[in-house]
Amino acid sequence: MTKVLSPGQMTAVESGGKNILVANIKGEHFAIGNVCTHRGCKLSNGTLTGDNVVCPCHGSTFNVKTGAVVKGPAQNPEPAYKVKIEGDSLTVLT
């Protein structure tokens, strides 16, 4: 469980033994894998731009809402997870 984020913020969380990126896009929370499918860098160290997160290592870009690759060199998408909000806390459902 982690605190609800403000719009435009992202953070890394562990849930079910998985490293997950949680981001608030325009007031709605989304969760995808936090380990870049290209070289294993942490997406939470990257940049959140609109609906996308850019990996800090090689610039692969993923859609935070779906996990889809927007721009390579990554070819495989990130897994996407549901987020449950209760009060000011959120839980990623893995």
Protein backbone atom coordinates (compact mmCIF):
# COMPACT_ATOMS: atom_id res chain seq x y z
CA MET A 1 0.00 0.00 0.00
CA THR A 2 1.19 3.52 -0.77
CA LYS A 3 -0.25 7.01 -0.56
CA VAL A 4 -2.33 8.41 -3.38
CA LEU A 5 -0.16 10.49 -5.72
CA SER A 6 -0.77 13.99 -7.04
CA PRO A 7 -1.35 14.40 -10.79
CA GLY A 8 1.92 14.11 -12.71
CA GLN A 9 3.70 12.13 -9.98
CA MET A 10 5.03 8.58 -10.16
CA THR A 11 6.68 6.20 -7.72
CA ALA A 12 7.98 2.65 -7.47
CA VAL A 13 6.25 0.09 -5.24
CA GLU A 14 6.64 -3.60 -4.49
CA SER A 15 3.51 -5.71 -4.70
CA GLY A 16 3.27 -9.48 -4.84
CA GLY A 17 7.04 -9.67 -5.23
CA LYS A 18 6.91 -7.47 -8.33
CA ASN A 19 8.59 -4.10 -8.94
CA ILE A 20 5.81 -1.79 -10.16
CA LEU A 21 5.58 1.81 -11.35
CA VAL A 22 2.50 3.73 -10.17
CA ALA A 23 1.66 7.04 -11.83
CA ASN A 24 -1.12 9.60 -11.52
CA ILE A 25 -2.25 10.76 -14.96
CA LYS A 26 -4.74 13.64 -14.74
CA GLY A 27 -6.12 12.40 -11.41
CA GLU A 28 -6.33 8.71 -12.32
CA HIS A 29 -3.81 6.14 -11.05
CA PHE A 30 -2.22 3.52 -13.30
CA ALA A 31 0.35 0.78 -12.67
CA ILE A 32 2.76 -1.00 -15.01
CA GLY A 33 5.97 -2.97 -14.58
CA ASN A 34 8.86 -0.80 -13.38
CA VAL A 35 11.69 -2.76 -15.03
CA CYS A 36 12.28 -1.75 -18.66
CA THR A 37 11.82 -4.70 -20.99
CA HIS A 38 14.83 -3.55 -23.03
CA ARG A 39 17.73 -3.56 -20.55
CA GLY A 40 16.18 -3.76 -17.09
CA CYS A 41 16.51 -0.12 -16.00
CA LYS A 42 13.98 1.25 -13.52
CA LEU A 43 11.32 3.31 -15.24
CA SER A 44 10.62 5.16 -11.99
CA ASN A 45 14.01 6.88 -12.51
CA GLY A 46 12.80 8.14 -15.90
CA THR A 47 10.56 10.98 -16.98
CA LEU A 48 6.77 11.07 -16.95
CA THR A 49 5.46 13.01 -19.95
CA GLY A 50 1.69 13.00 -20.43
CA ASP A 51 0.54 9.37 -20.58
CA ASN A 52 4.08 8.06 -21.15
CA VAL A 53 7.18 7.23 -19.14
CA VAL A 54 10.60 7.47 -20.78
CA CYS A 55 13.28 5.04 -19.61
CA PRO A 56 16.39 6.87 -18.36
CA CYS A 57 18.82 4.38 -19.93
CA HIS A 58 18.04 4.16 -23.64
CA GLY A 59 14.90 6.25 -24.12
CA SER A 60 12.34 3.48 -24.56
CA THR A 61 8.90 4.96 -24.01
CA PHE A 62 5.91 3.13 -22.51
CA ASN A 63 2.27 4.14 -22.18
CA VAL A 64 1.55 4.18 -18.44
CA LYS A 65 -2.15 3.40 -18.97
CA THR A 66 -1.59 0.22 -20.98
CA GLY A 67 2.10 -0.73 -20.74
CA ALA A 68 2.40 -0.60 -24.54
CA VAL A 69 5.71 0.35 -26.17
CA VAL A 70 5.35 3.82 -27.70
CA LYS A 71 8.98 4.11 -28.84
CA GLY A 72 11.85 1.60 -28.86
CA PRO A 73 14.42 0.25 -28.57
CA ALA A 74 12.19 -1.86 -26.26
CA GLN A 75 10.00 -4.28 -28.20
CA ASN A 76 8.02 -5.94 -25.41
CA PRO A 77 5.29 -4.14 -23.44
CA GLU A 78 5.21 -3.73 -19.68
CA PRO A 79 2.58 -5.70 -17.74
CA ALA A 80 -0.32 -3.50 -16.62
CA TYR A 81 -2.00 -3.83 -13.22
CA LYS A 82 -5.23 -2.58 -11.67
CA VAL A 83 -5.08 -0.02 -8.87
CA LYS A 84 -7.53 0.07 -5.95
CA ILE A 85 -7.90 3.29 -3.97
CA GLU A 86 -9.23 3.37 -0.41
CA GLY A 87 -9.22 6.80 1.22
CA ASP A 88 -5.75 8.27 0.76
CA SER A 89 -4.03 4.91 0.14
CA LEU A 90 -3.75 2.79 -2.95
CA THR A 91 -3.06 -0.88 -3.54
CA VAL A 92 -1.81 -2.47 -6.75
CA LEU A 93 -3.66 -5.69 -7.55
CA THR A 94 -1.17 -8.24 -8.87
